[in-house]
């Protein structure tokens, strides 16, 4: 439940969660989900930094 502390990010977390759970279940290998966790976090961080740096989003 810790990952849902910010209600405005729930949709993106669910979008990234579903493929990881499905693929890990299909392959019966939890390492896939474990790898996807930091990978999607890194992806979202990079997209956020690029948006801030390009001026697409301002604080």
N, C-alpha and C. Protein backbone atom coordinates (compact mmCIF):
# COMPACT_ATOMS: atom_id res chain seq x y z
N UNK A 1 0.82 -1.20 0.00
CA UNK A 1 0.00 0.00 0.00
C UNK A 1 0.86 1.26 0.00
N UNK A 2 2.13 1.14 0.35
CA UNK A 2 3.00 2.33 0.38
C UNK A 2 3.04 3.03 -0.97
N UNK A 3 3.01 2.26 -2.05
CA UNK A 3 3.17 2.83 -3.37
C UNK A 3 1.97 3.66 -3.82
N UNK A 4 0.88 3.60 -3.09
CA UNK A 4 -0.31 4.34 -3.47
C UNK A 4 -0.56 5.54 -2.56
N UNK A 5 0.50 6.08 -1.95
CA UNK A 5 0.35 7.22 -1.05
C UNK A 5 -0.02 8.49 -1.81
N UNK A 6 0.33 8.55 -3.09
CA UNK A 6 0.04 9.74 -3.88
C UNK A 6 -1.10 9.40 -4.85
N UNK A 7 -2.31 9.85 -4.56
CA UNK A 7 -3.45 9.45 -5.37
C UNK A 7 -3.34 9.85 -6.85
N UNK A 8 -2.61 10.91 -7.17
CA UNK A 8 -2.49 11.37 -8.55
C UNK A 8 -1.59 10.44 -9.39
N UNK A 9 -0.89 9.49 -8.76
CA UNK A 9 -0.03 8.57 -9.51
C UNK A 9 -0.60 7.15 -9.57
N UNK A 10 -1.77 6.93 -9.04
CA UNK A 10 -2.33 5.58 -8.98
C UNK A 10 -2.53 5.01 -10.38
N UNK A 11 -3.05 5.80 -11.31
CA UNK A 11 -3.31 5.30 -12.66
C UNK A 11 -2.02 4.80 -13.33
N UNK A 12 -0.96 5.60 -13.29
CA UNK A 12 0.28 5.17 -13.94
C UNK A 12 0.88 3.95 -13.23
N UNK A 13 0.73 3.86 -11.93
CA UNK A 13 1.24 2.70 -11.21
C UNK A 13 0.48 1.44 -11.60
N UNK A 14 -0.82 1.55 -11.75
CA UNK A 14 -1.60 0.39 -12.16
C UNK A 14 -1.27 -0.02 -13.59
N UNK A 15 -1.05 0.96 -14.46
CA UNK A 15 -0.69 0.67 -15.85
C UNK A 15 0.63 -0.08 -15.91
N UNK A 16 1.59 0.30 -15.11
CA UNK A 16 2.88 -0.37 -15.10
C UNK A 16 2.86 -1.66 -14.28
N UNK A 17 1.96 -1.77 -13.34
CA UNK A 17 1.88 -2.96 -12.49
C UNK A 17 1.29 -4.16 -13.24
N UNK A 18 0.26 -3.92 -13.99
CA UNK A 18 -0.46 -5.02 -14.64
C UNK A 18 0.44 -5.88 -15.54
N UNK A 19 1.23 -5.32 -16.45
CA UNK A 19 2.09 -6.18 -17.30
C UNK A 19 3.11 -6.97 -16.50
N UNK A 20 3.64 -6.40 -15.44
CA UNK A 20 4.62 -7.10 -14.62
C UNK A 20 4.03 -8.30 -13.91
N UNK A 21 2.85 -8.11 -13.35
CA UNK A 21 2.18 -9.21 -12.65
C UNK A 21 1.79 -10.29 -13.65
N UNK A 22 1.24 -9.89 -14.80
CA UNK A 22 0.82 -10.85 -15.81
C UNK A 22 2.00 -11.66 -16.33
N UNK A 23 3.09 -10.98 -16.68
CA UNK A 23 4.26 -11.67 -17.23
C UNK A 23 4.94 -12.56 -16.20
N UNK A 24 5.05 -12.09 -14.97
CA UNK A 24 5.64 -12.92 -13.92
C UNK A 24 4.80 -14.16 -13.65
N UNK A 25 3.49 -14.02 -13.70
CA UNK A 25 2.61 -15.17 -13.51
C UNK A 25 2.69 -16.14 -14.67
N UNK A 26 2.74 -15.61 -15.88
CA UNK A 26 2.81 -16.46 -17.08
C UNK A 26 4.11 -17.25 -17.13
N UNK A 27 5.22 -16.59 -16.80
CA UNK A 27 6.53 -17.23 -16.86
C UNK A 27 6.89 -17.94 -15.55
N UNK A 28 6.08 -17.74 -14.51
CA UNK A 28 6.35 -18.31 -13.19
C UNK A 28 7.75 -17.92 -12.69
N UNK A 29 8.06 -16.64 -12.87
CA UNK A 29 9.38 -16.13 -12.48
C UNK A 29 9.22 -14.73 -11.89
N UNK A 30 9.35 -14.63 -10.58
CA UNK A 30 9.15 -13.35 -9.90
C UNK A 30 10.27 -12.35 -10.20
N UNK A 31 11.39 -12.85 -10.71
CA UNK A 31 12.49 -11.94 -11.05
C UNK A 31 12.08 -10.92 -12.10
N UNK A 32 11.14 -11.28 -12.96
CA UNK A 32 10.65 -10.34 -13.97
C UNK A 32 10.00 -9.14 -13.29
N UNK A 33 9.12 -9.39 -12.35
CA UNK A 33 8.45 -8.30 -11.64
C UNK A 33 9.44 -7.50 -10.80
N UNK A 34 10.40 -8.19 -10.21
CA UNK A 34 11.40 -7.50 -9.39
C UNK A 34 12.25 -6.57 -10.25
N UNK A 35 12.57 -6.99 -11.46
CA UNK A 35 13.35 -6.17 -12.39
C UNK A 35 12.52 -5.01 -12.94
N UNK A 36 11.27 -5.27 -13.21
CA UNK A 36 10.41 -4.23 -13.76
C UNK A 36 10.14 -3.10 -12.75
N UNK A 37 10.17 -3.40 -11.49
CA UNK A 37 9.86 -2.39 -10.47
C UNK A 37 10.82 -1.20 -10.56
N UNK A 38 12.13 -1.40 -10.42
CA UNK A 38 13.01 -0.24 -10.54
C UNK A 38 13.09 0.29 -11.97
N UNK A 39 12.87 -0.59 -12.94
CA UNK A 39 12.92 -0.15 -14.34
C UNK A 39 11.83 0.85 -14.66
N UNK A 40 10.61 0.58 -14.24
CA UNK A 40 9.52 1.52 -14.50
C UNK A 40 9.66 2.79 -13.67
N UNK A 41 10.19 2.66 -12.49
CA UNK A 41 10.43 3.84 -11.66
C UNK A 41 11.47 4.74 -12.32
N UNK A 42 12.53 4.14 -12.85
CA UNK A 42 13.55 4.90 -13.56
C UNK A 42 12.96 5.57 -14.80
N UNK A 43 12.15 4.84 -15.55
CA UNK A 43 11.53 5.40 -16.75
C UNK A 43 10.66 6.61 -16.41
N UNK A 44 9.83 6.48 -15.37
CA UNK A 44 8.97 7.59 -14.99
C UNK A 44 9.78 8.78 -14.48
N UNK A 45 10.88 8.52 -13.81
CA UNK A 45 11.74 9.60 -13.31
C UNK A 45 12.39 10.34 -14.47
N UNK A 46 12.91 9.59 -15.44
CA UNK A 46 13.56 10.21 -16.60
C UNK A 46 12.55 11.05 -17.38
N UNK A 47 11.36 10.52 -17.60
CA UNK A 47 10.32 11.27 -18.32
C UNK A 47 9.98 12.55 -17.55
N UNK A 48 9.89 12.46 -16.25
CA UNK A 48 9.60 13.65 -15.44
C UNK A 48 10.70 14.69 -15.52
N UNK A 49 11.95 14.25 -15.47
CA UNK A 49 13.08 15.19 -15.56
C UNK A 49 13.13 15.84 -16.93
N UNK A 50 12.90 15.07 -17.97
CA UNK A 50 12.88 15.63 -19.33
C UNK A 50 11.75 16.64 -19.47
N UNK A 51 10.58 16.35 -18.90
CA UNK A 51 9.47 17.28 -18.96
C UNK A 51 9.81 18.58 -18.22
N UNK A 52 10.44 18.46 -17.09
CA UNK A 52 10.85 19.68 -16.36
C UNK A 52 11.91 20.45 -17.11
N UNK A 53 12.91 19.74 -17.64
CA UNK A 53 14.02 20.40 -18.34
C UNK A 53 13.55 21.07 -19.64
N UNK A 54 12.57 20.49 -20.30
CA UNK A 54 12.10 21.05 -21.58
C UNK A 54 11.08 22.16 -21.39
N UNK A 55 10.63 22.34 -20.18
CA UNK A 55 9.64 23.36 -19.90
C UNK A 55 8.21 22.92 -20.15
N UNK A 56 8.02 21.64 -20.45
CA UNK A 56 6.68 21.11 -20.66
C UNK A 56 5.88 21.11 -19.37
N UNK A 57 6.57 21.10 -18.28
CA UNK A 57 5.94 21.11 -16.96
C UNK A 57 6.72 22.06 -16.08
N UNK A 58 6.04 22.92 -15.38
CA UNK A 58 6.74 23.85 -14.48
C UNK A 58 6.17 23.71 -13.09
N UNK A 59 7.01 23.90 -12.13
CA UNK A 59 6.60 23.76 -10.73
C UNK A 59 6.13 25.04 -10.16
